[in-house]
Amino acid sequence: RDTHLRSEHFFDAGHHPEITFAAR
């Protein structure tokens, strides 16, 4: 499941390795 979640179907870690939250 973790591999699937990192795939292009979900988080696409290969192209987008980070999630960011910028508190303004």
PDBML (XML) file of the C-alpha atoms, coordinates in Angstrom:
<?xml version="1.0" encoding="UTF-8" ?>
<PDBx:datablock datablockName="MODEL"
   xmlns:PDBx="http://pdbml.pdb.org/schema/pdbx-v50.xsd"
   xmlns:xsi="http://www.w3.org/2001/XMLSchema-instance"
   xsi:schemaLocation="http://pdbml.pdb.org/schema/pdbx-v50.xsd pdbx-v50.xsd">
   <PDBx:atom_siteCategory>
      <PDBx:atom_site id="1">
         <PDBx:B_iso_or_equiv>0.00</PDBx:B_iso_or_equiv>
         <PDBx:Cartn_x>0.000</PDBx:Cartn_x>
         <PDBx:Cartn_y>0.000</PDBx:Cartn_y>
         <PDBx:Cartn_z>0.000</PDBx:Cartn_z>
         <PDBx:auth_asym_id>A</PDBx:auth_asym_id>
         <PDBx:auth_atom_id>CA</PDBx:auth_atom_id>
         <PDBx:auth_comp_id>ARG</PDBx:auth_comp_id>
         <PDBx:auth_seq_id>1</PDBx:auth_seq_id>
         <PDBx:group_PDB>ATOM</PDBx:group_PDB>
         <PDBx:label_alt_id xsi:nil="true" />
         <PDBx:label_asym_id>A</PDBx:label_asym_id>
         <PDBx:label_atom_id>CA</PDBx:label_atom_id>
         <PDBx:label_comp_id>ARG</PDBx:label_comp_id>
         <PDBx:label_entity_id>1</PDBx:label_entity_id>
         <PDBx:label_seq_id>1</PDBx:label_seq_id>
         <PDBx:occupancy>1.00</PDBx:occupancy>
         <PDBx:pdbx_PDB_model_num>1</PDBx:pdbx_PDB_model_num>
         <PDBx:type_symbol>C</PDBx:type_symbol>
      </PDBx:atom_site>
      <PDBx:atom_site id="2">
         <PDBx:B_iso_or_equiv>0.00</PDBx:B_iso_or_equiv>
         <PDBx:Cartn_x>2.847</PDBx:Cartn_x>
         <PDBx:Cartn_y>2.417</PDBx:Cartn_y>
         <PDBx:Cartn_z>0.849</PDBx:Cartn_z>
         <PDBx:auth_asym_id>A</PDBx:auth_asym_id>
         <PDBx:auth_atom_id>CA</PDBx:auth_atom_id>
         <PDBx:auth_comp_id>ASP</PDBx:auth_comp_id>
         <PDBx:auth_seq_id>2</PDBx:auth_seq_id>
         <PDBx:group_PDB>ATOM</PDBx:group_PDB>
         <PDBx:label_alt_id xsi:nil="true" />
         <PDBx:label_asym_id>A</PDBx:label_asym_id>
         <PDBx:label_atom_id>CA</PDBx:label_atom_id>
         <PDBx:label_comp_id>ASP</PDBx:label_comp_id>
         <PDBx:label_entity_id>1</PDBx:label_entity_id>
         <PDBx:label_seq_id>2</PDBx:label_seq_id>
         <PDBx:occupancy>1.00</PDBx:occupancy>
         <PDBx:pdbx_PDB_model_num>1</PDBx:pdbx_PDB_model_num>
         <PDBx:type_symbol>C</PDBx:type_symbol>
      </PDBx:atom_site>
      <PDBx:atom_site id="3">
         <PDBx:B_iso_or_equiv>0.00</PDBx:B_iso_or_equiv>
         <PDBx:Cartn_x>4.389</PDBx:Cartn_x>
         <PDBx:Cartn_y>1.827</PDBx:Cartn_y>
         <PDBx:Cartn_z>-2.579</PDBx:Cartn_z>
         <PDBx:auth_asym_id>A</PDBx:auth_asym_id>
         <PDBx:auth_atom_id>CA</PDBx:auth_atom_id>
         <PDBx:auth_comp_id>THR</PDBx:auth_comp_id>
         <PDBx:auth_seq_id>3</PDBx:auth_seq_id>
         <PDBx:group_PDB>ATOM</PDBx:group_PDB>
         <PDBx:label_alt_id xsi:nil="true" />
         <PDBx:label_asym_id>A</PDBx:label_asym_id>
         <PDBx:label_atom_id>CA</PDBx:label_atom_id>
         <PDBx:label_comp_id>THR</PDBx:label_comp_id>
         <PDBx:label_entity_id>1</PDBx:label_entity_id>
         <PDBx:label_seq_id>3</PDBx:label_seq_id>
         <PDBx:occupancy>1.00</PDBx:occupancy>
         <PDBx:pdbx_PDB_model_num>1</PDBx:pdbx_PDB_model_num>
         <PDBx:type_symbol>C</PDBx:type_symbol>
      </PDBx:atom_site>
      <PDBx:atom_site id="4">
         <PDBx:B_iso_or_equiv>0.00</PDBx:B_iso_or_equiv>
         <PDBx:Cartn_x>0.999</PDBx:Cartn_x>
         <PDBx:Cartn_y>2.526</PDBx:Cartn_y>
         <PDBx:Cartn_z>-4.200</PDBx:Cartn_z>
         <PDBx:auth_asym_id>A</PDBx:auth_asym_id>
         <PDBx:auth_atom_id>CA</PDBx:auth_atom_id>
         <PDBx:auth_comp_id>HIS</PDBx:auth_comp_id>
         <PDBx:auth_seq_id>4</PDBx:auth_seq_id>
         <PDBx:group_PDB>ATOM</PDBx:group_PDB>
         <PDBx:label_alt_id xsi:nil="true" />
         <PDBx:label_asym_id>A</PDBx:label_asym_id>
         <PDBx:label_atom_id>CA</PDBx:label_atom_id>
         <PDBx:label_comp_id>HIS</PDBx:label_comp_id>
         <PDBx:label_entity_id>1</PDBx:label_entity_id>
         <PDBx:label_seq_id>4</PDBx:label_seq_id>
         <PDBx:occupancy>1.00</PDBx:occupancy>
         <PDBx:pdbx_PDB_model_num>1</PDBx:pdbx_PDB_model_num>
         <PDBx:type_symbol>C</PDBx:type_symbol>
      </PDBx:atom_site>
      <PDBx:atom_site id="5">
         <PDBx:B_iso_or_equiv>0.00</PDBx:B_iso_or_equiv>
         <PDBx:Cartn_x>0.512</PDBx:Cartn_x>
         <PDBx:Cartn_y>5.704</PDBx:Cartn_y>
         <PDBx:Cartn_z>-2.151</PDBx:Cartn_z>
         <PDBx:auth_asym_id>A</PDBx:auth_asym_id>
         <PDBx:auth_atom_id>CA</PDBx:auth_atom_id>
         <PDBx:auth_comp_id>LEU</PDBx:auth_comp_id>
         <PDBx:auth_seq_id>5</PDBx:auth_seq_id>
         <PDBx:group_PDB>ATOM</PDBx:group_PDB>
         <PDBx:label_alt_id xsi:nil="true" />
         <PDBx:label_asym_id>A</PDBx:label_asym_id>
         <PDBx:label_atom_id>CA</PDBx:label_atom_id>
         <PDBx:label_comp_id>LEU</PDBx:label_comp_id>
         <PDBx:label_entity_id>1</PDBx:label_entity_id>
         <PDBx:label_seq_id>5</PDBx:label_seq_id>
         <PDBx:occupancy>1.00</PDBx:occupancy>
         <PDBx:pdbx_PDB_model_num>1</PDBx:pdbx_PDB_model_num>
         <PDBx:type_symbol>C</PDBx:type_symbol>
      </PDBx:atom_site>
      <PDBx:atom_site id="6">
         <PDBx:B_iso_or_equiv>0.00</PDBx:B_iso_or_equiv>
         <PDBx:Cartn_x>3.939</PDBx:Cartn_x>
         <PDBx:Cartn_y>6.956</PDBx:Cartn_y>
         <PDBx:Cartn_z>-3.286</PDBx:Cartn_z>
         <PDBx:auth_asym_id>A</PDBx:auth_asym_id>
         <PDBx:auth_atom_id>CA</PDBx:auth_atom_id>
         <PDBx:auth_comp_id>ARG</PDBx:auth_comp_id>
         <PDBx:auth_seq_id>6</PDBx:auth_seq_id>
         <PDBx:group_PDB>ATOM</PDBx:group_PDB>
         <PDBx:label_alt_id xsi:nil="true" />
         <PDBx:label_asym_id>A</PDBx:label_asym_id>
         <PDBx:label_atom_id>CA</PDBx:label_atom_id>
         <PDBx:label_comp_id>ARG</PDBx:label_comp_id>
         <PDBx:label_entity_id>1</PDBx:label_entity_id>
         <PDBx:label_seq_id>6</PDBx:label_seq_id>
         <PDBx:occupancy>1.00</PDBx:occupancy>
         <PDBx:pdbx_PDB_model_num>1</PDBx:pdbx_PDB_model_num>
         <PDBx:type_symbol>C</PDBx:type_symbol>
      </PDBx:atom_site>
      <PDBx:atom_site id="7">
         <PDBx:B_iso_or_equiv>0.00</PDBx:B_iso_or_equiv>
         <PDBx:Cartn_x>3.061</PDBx:Cartn_x>
         <PDBx:Cartn_y>6.200</PDBx:Cartn_y>
         <PDBx:Cartn_z>-6.941</PDBx:Cartn_z>
         <PDBx:auth_asym_id>A</PDBx:auth_asym_id>
         <PDBx:auth_atom_id>CA</PDBx:auth_atom_id>
         <PDBx:auth_comp_id>SER</PDBx:auth_comp_id>
         <PDBx:auth_seq_id>7</PDBx:auth_seq_id>
         <PDBx:group_PDB>ATOM</PDBx:group_PDB>
         <PDBx:label_alt_id xsi:nil="true" />
         <PDBx:label_asym_id>A</PDBx:label_asym_id>
         <PDBx:label_atom_id>CA</PDBx:label_atom_id>
         <PDBx:label_comp_id>SER</PDBx:label_comp_id>
         <PDBx:label_entity_id>1</PDBx:label_entity_id>
         <PDBx:label_seq_id>7</PDBx:label_seq_id>
         <PDBx:occupancy>1.00</PDBx:occupancy>
         <PDBx:pdbx_PDB_model_num>1</PDBx:pdbx_PDB_model_num>
         <PDBx:type_symbol>C</PDBx:type_symbol>
      </PDBx:atom_site>
      <PDBx:atom_site id="8">
         <PDBx:B_iso_or_equiv>0.00</PDBx:B_iso_or_equiv>
         <PDBx:Cartn_x>1.644</PDBx:Cartn_x>
         <PDBx:Cartn_y>8.564</PDBx:Cartn_y>
         <PDBx:Cartn_z>-9.561</PDBx:Cartn_z>
         <PDBx:auth_asym_id>A</PDBx:auth_asym_id>
         <PDBx:auth_atom_id>CA</PDBx:auth_atom_id>
         <PDBx:auth_comp_id>GLU</PDBx:auth_comp_id>
         <PDBx:auth_seq_id>8</PDBx:auth_seq_id>
         <PDBx:group_PDB>ATOM</PDBx:group_PDB>
         <PDBx:label_alt_id xsi:nil="true" />
         <PDBx:label_asym_id>A</PDBx:label_asym_id>
         <PDBx:label_atom_id>CA</PDBx:label_atom_id>
         <PDBx:label_comp_id>GLU</PDBx:label_comp_id>
         <PDBx:label_entity_id>1</PDBx:label_entity_id>
         <PDBx:label_seq_id>8</PDBx:label_seq_id>
         <PDBx:occupancy>1.00</PDBx:occupancy>
         <PDBx:pdbx_PDB_model_num>1</PDBx:pdbx_PDB_model_num>
         <PDBx:type_symbol>C</PDBx:type_symbol>
      </PDBx:atom_site>
      <PDBx:atom_site id="9">
         <PDBx:B_iso_or_equiv>0.00</PDBx:B_iso_or_equiv>
         <PDBx:Cartn_x>-1.886</PDBx:Cartn_x>
         <PDBx:Cartn_y>7.476</PDBx:Cartn_y>
         <PDBx:Cartn_z>-8.516</PDBx:Cartn_z>
         <PDBx:auth_asym_id>A</PDBx:auth_asym_id>
         <PDBx:auth_atom_id>CA</PDBx:auth_atom_id>
         <PDBx:auth_comp_id>HIS</PDBx:auth_comp_id>
         <PDBx:auth_seq_id>9</PDBx:auth_seq_id>
         <PDBx:group_PDB>ATOM</PDBx:group_PDB>
         <PDBx:label_alt_id xsi:nil="true" />
         <PDBx:label_asym_id>A</PDBx:label_asym_id>
         <PDBx:label_atom_id>CA</PDBx:label_atom_id>
         <PDBx:label_comp_id>HIS</PDBx:label_comp_id>
         <PDBx:label_entity_id>1</PDBx:label_entity_id>
         <PDBx:label_seq_id>9</PDBx:label_seq_id>
         <PDBx:occupancy>1.00</PDBx:occupancy>
         <PDBx:pdbx_PDB_model_num>1</PDBx:pdbx_PDB_model_num>
         <PDBx:type_symbol>C</PDBx:type_symbol>
      </PDBx:atom_site>
      <PDBx:atom_site id="10">
         <PDBx:B_iso_or_equiv>0.00</PDBx:B_iso_or_equiv>
         <PDBx:Cartn_x>-1.511</PDBx:Cartn_x>
         <PDBx:Cartn_y>9.342</PDBx:Cartn_y>
         <PDBx:Cartn_z>-5.241</PDBx:Cartn_z>
         <PDBx:auth_asym_id>A</PDBx:auth_asym_id>
         <PDBx:auth_atom_id>CA</PDBx:auth_atom_id>
         <PDBx:auth_comp_id>PHE</PDBx:auth_comp_id>
         <PDBx:auth_seq_id>10</PDBx:auth_seq_id>
         <PDBx:group_PDB>ATOM</PDBx:group_PDB>
         <PDBx:label_alt_id xsi:nil="true" />
         <PDBx:label_asym_id>A</PDBx:label_asym_id>
         <PDBx:label_atom_id>CA</PDBx:label_atom_id>
         <PDBx:label_comp_id>PHE</PDBx:label_comp_id>
         <PDBx:label_entity_id>1</PDBx:label_entity_id>
         <PDBx:label_seq_id>10</PDBx:label_seq_id>
         <PDBx:occupancy>1.00</PDBx:occupancy>
         <PDBx:pdbx_PDB_model_num>1</PDBx:pdbx_PDB_model_num>
         <PDBx:type_symbol>C</PDBx:type_symbol>
      </PDBx:atom_site>
      <PDBx:atom_site id="11">
         <PDBx:B_iso_or_equiv>0.00</PDBx:B_iso_or_equiv>
         <PDBx:Cartn_x>1.449</PDBx:Cartn_x>
         <PDBx:Cartn_y>11.400</PDBx:Cartn_y>
         <PDBx:Cartn_z>-3.965</PDBx:Cartn_z>
         <PDBx:auth_asym_id>A</PDBx:auth_asym_id>
         <PDBx:auth_atom_id>CA</PDBx:auth_atom_id>
         <PDBx:auth_comp_id>PHE</PDBx:auth_comp_id>
         <PDBx:auth_seq_id>11</PDBx:auth_seq_id>
         <PDBx:group_PDB>ATOM</PDBx:group_PDB>
         <PDBx:label_alt_id xsi:nil="true" />
         <PDBx:label_asym_id>A</PDBx:label_asym_id>
         <PDBx:label_atom_id>CA</PDBx:label_atom_id>
         <PDBx:label_comp_id>PHE</PDBx:label_comp_id>
         <PDBx:label_entity_id>1</PDBx:label_entity_id>
         <PDBx:label_seq_id>11</PDBx:label_seq_id>
         <PDBx:occupancy>1.00</PDBx:occupancy>
         <PDBx:pdbx_PDB_model_num>1</PDBx:pdbx_PDB_model_num>
         <PDBx:type_symbol>C</PDBx:type_symbol>
      </PDBx:atom_site>
      <PDBx:atom_site id="12">
         <PDBx:B_iso_or_equiv>0.00</PDBx:B_iso_or_equiv>
         <PDBx:Cartn_x>3.752</PDBx:Cartn_x>
         <PDBx:Cartn_y>10.857</PDBx:Cartn_y>
         <PDBx:Cartn_z>-7.002</PDBx:Cartn_z>
         <PDBx:auth_asym_id>A</PDBx:auth_asym_id>
         <PDBx:auth_atom_id>CA</PDBx:auth_atom_id>
         <PDBx:auth_comp_id>ASP</PDBx:auth_comp_id>
         <PDBx:auth_seq_id>12</PDBx:auth_seq_id>
         <PDBx:group_PDB>ATOM</PDBx:group_PDB>
         <PDBx:label_alt_id xsi:nil="true" />
         <PDBx:label_asym_id>A</PDBx:label_asym_id>
         <PDBx:label_atom_id>CA</PDBx:label_atom_id>
         <PDBx:label_comp_id>ASP</PDBx:label_comp_id>
         <PDBx:label_entity_id>1</PDBx:label_entity_id>
         <PDBx:label_seq_id>12</PDBx:label_seq_id>
         <PDBx:occupancy>1.00</PDBx:occupancy>
         <PDBx:pdbx_PDB_model_num>1</PDBx:pdbx_PDB_model_num>
         <PDBx:type_symbol>C</PDBx:type_symbol>
      </PDBx:atom_site>
      <PDBx:atom_site id="13">
         <PDBx:B_iso_or_equiv>0.00</PDBx:B_iso_or_equiv>
         <PDBx:Cartn_x>6.875</PDBx:Cartn_x>
         <PDBx:Cartn_y>10.904</PDBx:Cartn_y>
         <PDBx:Cartn_z>-4.840</PDBx:Cartn_z>
         <PDBx:auth_asym_id>A</PDBx:auth_asym_id>
         <PDBx:auth_atom_id>CA</PDBx:auth_atom_id>
         <PDBx:auth_comp_id>ALA</PDBx:auth_comp_id>
         <PDBx:auth_seq_id>13</PDBx:auth_seq_id>
         <PDBx:group_PDB>ATOM</PDBx:group_PDB>
         <PDBx:label_alt_id xsi:nil="true" />
         <PDBx:label_asym_id>A</PDBx:label_asym_id>
         <PDBx:label_atom_id>CA</PDBx:label_atom_id>
         <PDBx:label_comp_id>ALA</PDBx:label_comp_id>
         <PDBx:label_entity_id>1</PDBx:label_entity_id>
         <PDBx:label_seq_id>13</PDBx:label_seq_id>
         <PDBx:occupancy>1.00</PDBx:occupancy>
         <PDBx:pdbx_PDB_model_num>1</PDBx:pdbx_PDB_model_num>
         <PDBx:type_symbol>C</PDBx:type_symbol>
      </PDBx:atom_site>
      <PDBx:atom_site id="14">
         <PDBx:B_iso_or_equiv>0.00</PDBx:B_iso_or_equiv>
         <PDBx:Cartn_x>9.138</PDBx:Cartn_x>
         <PDBx:Cartn_y>10.445</PDBx:Cartn_y>
         <PDBx:Cartn_z>-7.875</PDBx:Cartn_z>
         <PDBx:auth_asym_id>A</PDBx:auth_asym_id>
         <PDBx:auth_atom_id>CA</PDBx:auth_atom_id>
         <PDBx:auth_comp_id>GLY</PDBx:auth_comp_id>
         <PDBx:auth_seq_id>14</PDBx:auth_seq_id>
         <PDBx:group_PDB>ATOM</PDBx:group_PDB>
         <PDBx:label_alt_id xsi:nil="true" />
         <PDBx:label_asym_id>A</PDBx:label_asym_id>
         <PDBx:label_atom_id>CA</PDBx:label_atom_id>
         <PDBx:label_comp_id>GLY</PDBx:label_comp_id>
         <PDBx:label_entity_id>1</PDBx:label_entity_id>
         <PDBx:label_seq_id>14</PDBx:label_seq_id>
         <PDBx:occupancy>1.00</PDBx:occupancy>
         <PDBx:pdbx_PDB_model_num>1</PDBx:pdbx_PDB_model_num>
         <PDBx:type_symbol>C</PDBx:type_symbol>
      </PDBx:atom_site>
      <PDBx:atom_site id="15">
         <PDBx:B_iso_or_equiv>0.00</PDBx:B_iso_or_equiv>
         <PDBx:Cartn_x>8.152</PDBx:Cartn_x>
         <PDBx:Cartn_y>13.867</PDBx:Cartn_y>
         <PDBx:Cartn_z>-9.210</PDBx:Cartn_z>
         <PDBx:auth_asym_id>A</PDBx:auth_asym_id>
         <PDBx:auth_atom_id>CA</PDBx:auth_atom_id>
         <PDBx:auth_comp_id>HIS</PDBx:auth_comp_id>
         <PDBx:auth_seq_id>15</PDBx:auth_seq_id>
         <PDBx:group_PDB>ATOM</PDBx:group_PDB>
         <PDBx:label_alt_id xsi:nil="true" />
         <PDBx:label_asym_id>A</PDBx:label_asym_id>
         <PDBx:label_atom_id>CA</PDBx:label_atom_id>
         <PDBx:label_comp_id>HIS</PDBx:label_comp_id>
         <PDBx:label_entity_id>1</PDBx:label_entity_id>
         <PDBx:label_seq_id>15</PDBx:label_seq_id>
         <PDBx:occupancy>1.00</PDBx:occupancy>
         <PDBx:pdbx_PDB_model_num>1</PDBx:pdbx_PDB_model_num>
         <PDBx:type_symbol>C</PDBx:type_symbol>
      </PDBx:atom_site>
      <PDBx:atom_site id="16">
         <PDBx:B_iso_or_equiv>0.00</PDBx:B_iso_or_equiv>
         <PDBx:Cartn_x>7.004</PDBx:Cartn_x>
         <PDBx:Cartn_y>15.548</PDBx:Cartn_y>
         <PDBx:Cartn_z>-5.996</PDBx:Cartn_z>
         <PDBx:auth_asym_id>A</PDBx:auth_asym_id>
         <PDBx:auth_atom_id>CA</PDBx:auth_atom_id>
         <PDBx:auth_comp_id>HIS</PDBx:auth_comp_id>
         <PDBx:auth_seq_id>16</PDBx:auth_seq_id>
         <PDBx:group_PDB>ATOM</PDBx:group_PDB>
         <PDBx:label_alt_id xsi:nil="true" />
         <PDBx:label_asym_id>A</PDBx:label_asym_id>
         <PDBx:label_atom_id>CA</PDBx:label_atom_id>
         <PDBx:label_comp_id>HIS</PDBx:label_comp_id>
         <PDBx:label_entity_id>1</PDBx:label_entity_id>
         <PDBx:label_seq_id>16</PDBx:label_seq_id>
         <PDBx:occupancy>1.00</PDBx:occupancy>
         <PDBx:pdbx_PDB_model_num>1</PDBx:pdbx_PDB_model_num>
         <PDBx:type_symbol>C</PDBx:type_symbol>
      </PDBx:atom_site>
      <PDBx:atom_site id="17">
         <PDBx:B_iso_or_equiv>0.00</PDBx:B_iso_or_equiv>
         <PDBx:Cartn_x>9.093</PDBx:Cartn_x>
         <PDBx:Cartn_y>14.243</PDBx:Cartn_y>
         <PDBx:Cartn_z>-3.085</PDBx:Cartn_z>
         <PDBx:auth_asym_id>A</PDBx:auth_asym_id>
         <PDBx:auth_atom_id>CA</PDBx:auth_atom_id>
         <PDBx:auth_comp_id>PRO</PDBx:auth_comp_id>
         <PDBx:auth_seq_id>17</PDBx:auth_seq_id>
         <PDBx:group_PDB>ATOM</PDBx:group_PDB>
         <PDBx:label_alt_id xsi:nil="true" />
         <PDBx:label_asym_id>A</PDBx:label_asym_id>
         <PDBx:label_atom_id>CA</PDBx:label_atom_id>
         <PDBx:label_comp_id>PRO</PDBx:label_comp_id>
         <PDBx:label_entity_id>1</PDBx:label_entity_id>
         <PDBx:label_seq_id>17</PDBx:label_seq_id>
         <PDBx:occupancy>1.00</PDBx:occupancy>
         <PDBx:pdbx_PDB_model_num>1</PDBx:pdbx_PDB_model_num>
         <PDBx:type_symbol>C</PDBx:type_symbol>
      </PDBx:atom_site>
      <PDBx:atom_site id="18">
         <PDBx:B_iso_or_equiv>0.00</PDBx:B_iso_or_equiv>
         <PDBx:Cartn_x>7.819</PDBx:Cartn_x>
         <PDBx:Cartn_y>16.766</PDBx:Cartn_y>
         <PDBx:Cartn_z>-0.532</PDBx:Cartn_z>
         <PDBx:auth_asym_id>A</PDBx:auth_asym_id>
         <PDBx:auth_atom_id>CA</PDBx:auth_atom_id>
         <PDBx:auth_comp_id>GLU</PDBx:auth_comp_id>
         <PDBx:auth_seq_id>18</PDBx:auth_seq_id>
         <PDBx:group_PDB>ATOM</PDBx:group_PDB>
         <PDBx:label_alt_id xsi:nil="true" />
         <PDBx:label_asym_id>A</PDBx:label_asym_id>
         <PDBx:label_atom_id>CA</PDBx:label_atom_id>
         <PDBx:label_comp_id>GLU</PDBx:label_comp_id>
         <PDBx:label_entity_id>1</PDBx:label_entity_id>
         <PDBx:label_seq_id>18</PDBx:label_seq_id>
         <PDBx:occupancy>1.00</PDBx:occupancy>
         <PDBx:pdbx_PDB_model_num>1</PDBx:pdbx_PDB_model_num>
         <PDBx:type_symbol>C</PDBx:type_symbol>
      </PDBx:atom_site>
      <PDBx:atom_site id="19">
         <PDBx:B_iso_or_equiv>0.00</PDBx:B_iso_or_equiv>
         <PDBx:Cartn_x>4.569</PDBx:Cartn_x>
         <PDBx:Cartn_y>18.116</PDBx:Cartn_y>
         <PDBx:Cartn_z>0.825</PDBx:Cartn_z>
         <PDBx:auth_asym_id>A</PDBx:auth_asym_id>
         <PDBx:auth_atom_id>CA</PDBx:auth_atom_id>
         <PDBx:auth_comp_id>ILE</PDBx:auth_comp_id>
         <PDBx:auth_seq_id>19</PDBx:auth_seq_id>
         <PDBx:group_PDB>ATOM</PDBx:group_PDB>
         <PDBx:label_alt_id xsi:nil="true" />
         <PDBx:label_asym_id>A</PDBx:label_asym_id>
         <PDBx:label_atom_id>CA</PDBx:label_atom_id>
         <PDBx:label_comp_id>ILE</PDBx:label_comp_id>
         <PDBx:label_entity_id>1</PDBx:label_entity_id>
         <PDBx:label_seq_id>19</PDBx:label_seq_id>
         <PDBx:occupancy>1.00</PDBx:occupancy>
         <PDBx:pdbx_PDB_model_num>1</PDBx:pdbx_PDB_model_num>
         <PDBx:type_symbol>C</PDBx:type_symbol>
      </PDBx:atom_site>
      <PDBx:atom_site id="20">
         <PDBx:B_iso_or_equiv>0.00</PDBx:B_iso_or_equiv>
         <PDBx:Cartn_x>4.841</PDBx:Cartn_x>
         <PDBx:Cartn_y>21.632</PDBx:Cartn_y>
         <PDBx:Cartn_z>2.209</PDBx:Cartn_z>
         <PDBx:auth_asym_id>A</PDBx:auth_asym_id>
         <PDBx:auth_atom_id>CA</PDBx:auth_atom_id>
         <PDBx:auth_comp_id>THR</PDBx:auth_comp_id>
         <PDBx:auth_seq_id>20</PDBx:auth_seq_id>
         <PDBx:group_PDB>ATOM</PDBx:group_PDB>
         <PDBx:label_alt_id xsi:nil="true" />
         <PDBx:label_asym_id>A</PDBx:label_asym_id>
         <PDBx:label_atom_id>CA</PDBx:label_atom_id>
         <PDBx:label_comp_id>THR</PDBx:label_comp_id>
         <PDBx:label_entity_id>1</PDBx:label_entity_id>
         <PDBx:label_seq_id>20</PDBx:label_seq_id>
         <PDBx:occupancy>1.00</PDBx:occupancy>
         <PDBx:pdbx_PDB_model_num>1</PDBx:pdbx_PDB_model_num>
         <PDBx:type_symbol>C</PDBx:type_symbol>
      </PDBx:atom_site>
      <PDBx:atom_site id="21">
         <PDBx:B_iso_or_equiv>0.00</PDBx:B_iso_or_equiv>
         <PDBx:Cartn_x>2.660</PDBx:Cartn_x>
         <PDBx:Cartn_y>23.857</PDBx:Cartn_y>
         <PDBx:Cartn_z>4.303</PDBx:Cartn_z>
         <PDBx:auth_asym_id>A</PDBx:auth_asym_id>
         <PDBx:auth_atom_id>CA</PDBx:auth_atom_id>
         <PDBx:auth_comp_id>PHE</PDBx:auth_comp_id>
         <PDBx:auth_seq_id>21</PDBx:auth_seq_id>
         <PDBx:group_PDB>ATOM</PDBx:group_PDB>
         <PDBx:label_alt_id xsi:nil="true" />
         <PDBx:label_asym_id>A</PDBx:label_asym_id>
         <PDBx:label_atom_id>CA</PDBx:label_atom_id>
         <PDBx:label_comp_id>PHE</PDBx:label_comp_id>
         <PDBx:label_entity_id>1</PDBx:label_entity_id>
         <PDBx:label_seq_id>21</PDBx:label_seq_id>
         <PDBx:occupancy>1.00</PDBx:occupancy>
         <PDBx:pdbx_PDB_model_num>1</PDBx:pdbx_PDB_model_num>
         <PDBx:type_symbol>C</PDBx:type_symbol>
      </PDBx:atom_site>
      <PDBx:atom_site id="22">
         <PDBx:B_iso_or_equiv>0.00</PDBx:B_iso_or_equiv>
         <PDBx:Cartn_x>3.623</PDBx:Cartn_x>
         <PDBx:Cartn_y>27.536</PDBx:Cartn_y>
         <PDBx:Cartn_z>4.312</PDBx:Cartn_z>
         <PDBx:auth_asym_id>A</PDBx:auth_asym_id>
         <PDBx:auth_atom_id>CA</PDBx:auth_atom_id>
         <PDBx:auth_comp_id>ALA</PDBx:auth_comp_id>
         <PDBx:auth_seq_id>22</PDBx:auth_seq_id>
         <PDBx:group_PDB>ATOM</PDBx:group_PDB>
         <PDBx:label_alt_id xsi:nil="true" />
         <PDBx:label_asym_id>A</PDBx:label_asym_id>
         <PDBx:label_atom_id>CA</PDBx:label_atom_id>
         <PDBx:label_comp_id>ALA</PDBx:label_comp_id>
         <PDBx:label_entity_id>1</PDBx:label_entity_id>
         <PDBx:label_seq_id>22</PDBx:label_seq_id>
         <PDBx:occupancy>1.00</PDBx:occupancy>
         <PDBx:pdbx_PDB_model_num>1</PDBx:pdbx_PDB_model_num>
         <PDBx:type_symbol>C</PDBx:type_symbol>
      </PDBx:atom_site>
      <PDBx:atom_site id="23">
         <PDBx:B_iso_or_equiv>0.00</PDBx:B_iso_or_equiv>
         <PDBx:Cartn_x>1.970</PDBx:Cartn_x>
         <PDBx:Cartn_y>29.388</PDBx:Cartn_y>
         <PDBx:Cartn_z>7.190</PDBx:Cartn_z>
         <PDBx:auth_asym_id>A</PDBx:auth_asym_id>
         <PDBx:auth_atom_id>CA</PDBx:auth_atom_id>
         <PDBx:auth_comp_id>ALA</PDBx:auth_comp_id>
         <PDBx:auth_seq_id>23</PDBx:auth_seq_id>
         <PDBx:group_PDB>ATOM</PDBx:group_PDB>
         <PDBx:label_alt_id xsi:nil="true" />
         <PDBx:label_asym_id>A</PDBx:label_asym_id>
         <PDBx:label_atom_id>CA</PDBx:label_atom_id>
         <PDBx:label_comp_id>ALA</PDBx:label_comp_id>
         <PDBx:label_entity_id>1</PDBx:label_entity_id>
         <PDBx:label_seq_id>23</PDBx:label_seq_id>
         <PDBx:occupancy>1.00</PDBx:occupancy>
         <PDBx:pdbx_PDB_model_num>1</PDBx:pdbx_PDB_model_num>
         <PDBx:type_symbol>C</PDBx:type_symbol>
      </PDBx:atom_site>
      <PDBx:atom_site id="24">
         <PDBx:B_iso_or_equiv>0.00</PDBx:B_iso_or_equiv>
         <PDBx:Cartn_x>1.493</PDBx:Cartn_x>
         <PDBx:Cartn_y>32.964</PDBx:Cartn_y>
         <PDBx:Cartn_z>6.050</PDBx:Cartn_z>
         <PDBx:auth_asym_id>A</PDBx:auth_asym_id>
         <PDBx:auth_atom_id>CA</PDBx:auth_atom_id>
         <PDBx:auth_comp_id>ARG</PDBx:auth_comp_id>
         <PDBx:auth_seq_id>24</PDBx:auth_seq_id>
         <PDBx:group_PDB>ATOM</PDBx:group_PDB>
         <PDBx:label_alt_id xsi:nil="true" />
         <PDBx:label_asym_id>A</PDBx:label_asym_id>
         <PDBx:label_atom_id>CA</PDBx:label_atom_id>
         <PDBx:label_comp_id>ARG</PDBx:label_comp_id>
         <PDBx:label_entity_id>1</PDBx:label_entity_id>
         <PDBx:label_seq_id>24</PDBx:label_seq_id>
         <PDBx:occupancy>1.00</PDBx:occupancy>
         <PDBx:pdbx_PDB_model_num>1</PDBx:pdbx_PDB_model_num>
         <PDBx:type_symbol>C</PDBx:type_symbol>
      </PDBx:atom_site>
   </PDBx:atom_siteCategory>
</PDBx:datablock>
